[in-house]
């Protein structure tokens, strides 16, 4: 991954920010990074810093990373609105993207083998990456299927019963209900969080 550098005050304008389209004027802050092959990238200081998917020149790697970022974004949104179906949908979409990249790795392996009229070591490496990604997609889909809605009615009944058993010195039903909600949220997030960093290396 290239190193992302920050310039506090530009000595001269480095050009337009490709993220927002605004010109980075002299004296403004900006960030830049450079690929070994592919040149330098810039971004103004007010735009978000580049994500992992933007710090690689490999289209396949970028799409793997972007799939993980899609899940992370969905987790952030879930923690605000607690919509399980949206989180599940994002995970299923990410799994589909990962499978597409896996298929492209297999096609690359086939093309190399056909072009060289021989089985090269790189073919095994490409197919291993494809297998890793297919396995990861399976895991993502399985986790997505295990996400559960919060049963408010049942949780309220349990909270009232537990509060009654705890007596006056114990937590209130409202406090117990909130604890149940927090535990449920943490459980759903934990199942999704495992897949926020997706790589063909396994």
Foldseek 3Di string as FASTA:
>chain_A
DWDKAKDQFACAWPAAAPVPRHTQGGGFIKIKTADPPDGIHIHGPVDDDDDPLVPDPDPLQSLLLVLLQLLVVQLVVCVVVVDLVSNLVSLLVSLVSLLVSLVVLQVVLVVVCVVVVHRDPSSVVSNLLSVQSNVVSVLSNVLSVVQDRDDLVVLLVVLCVVQVVVPPVDDHSVVSSVVVVVVSSVVNSVSSNVRSGGGSVD
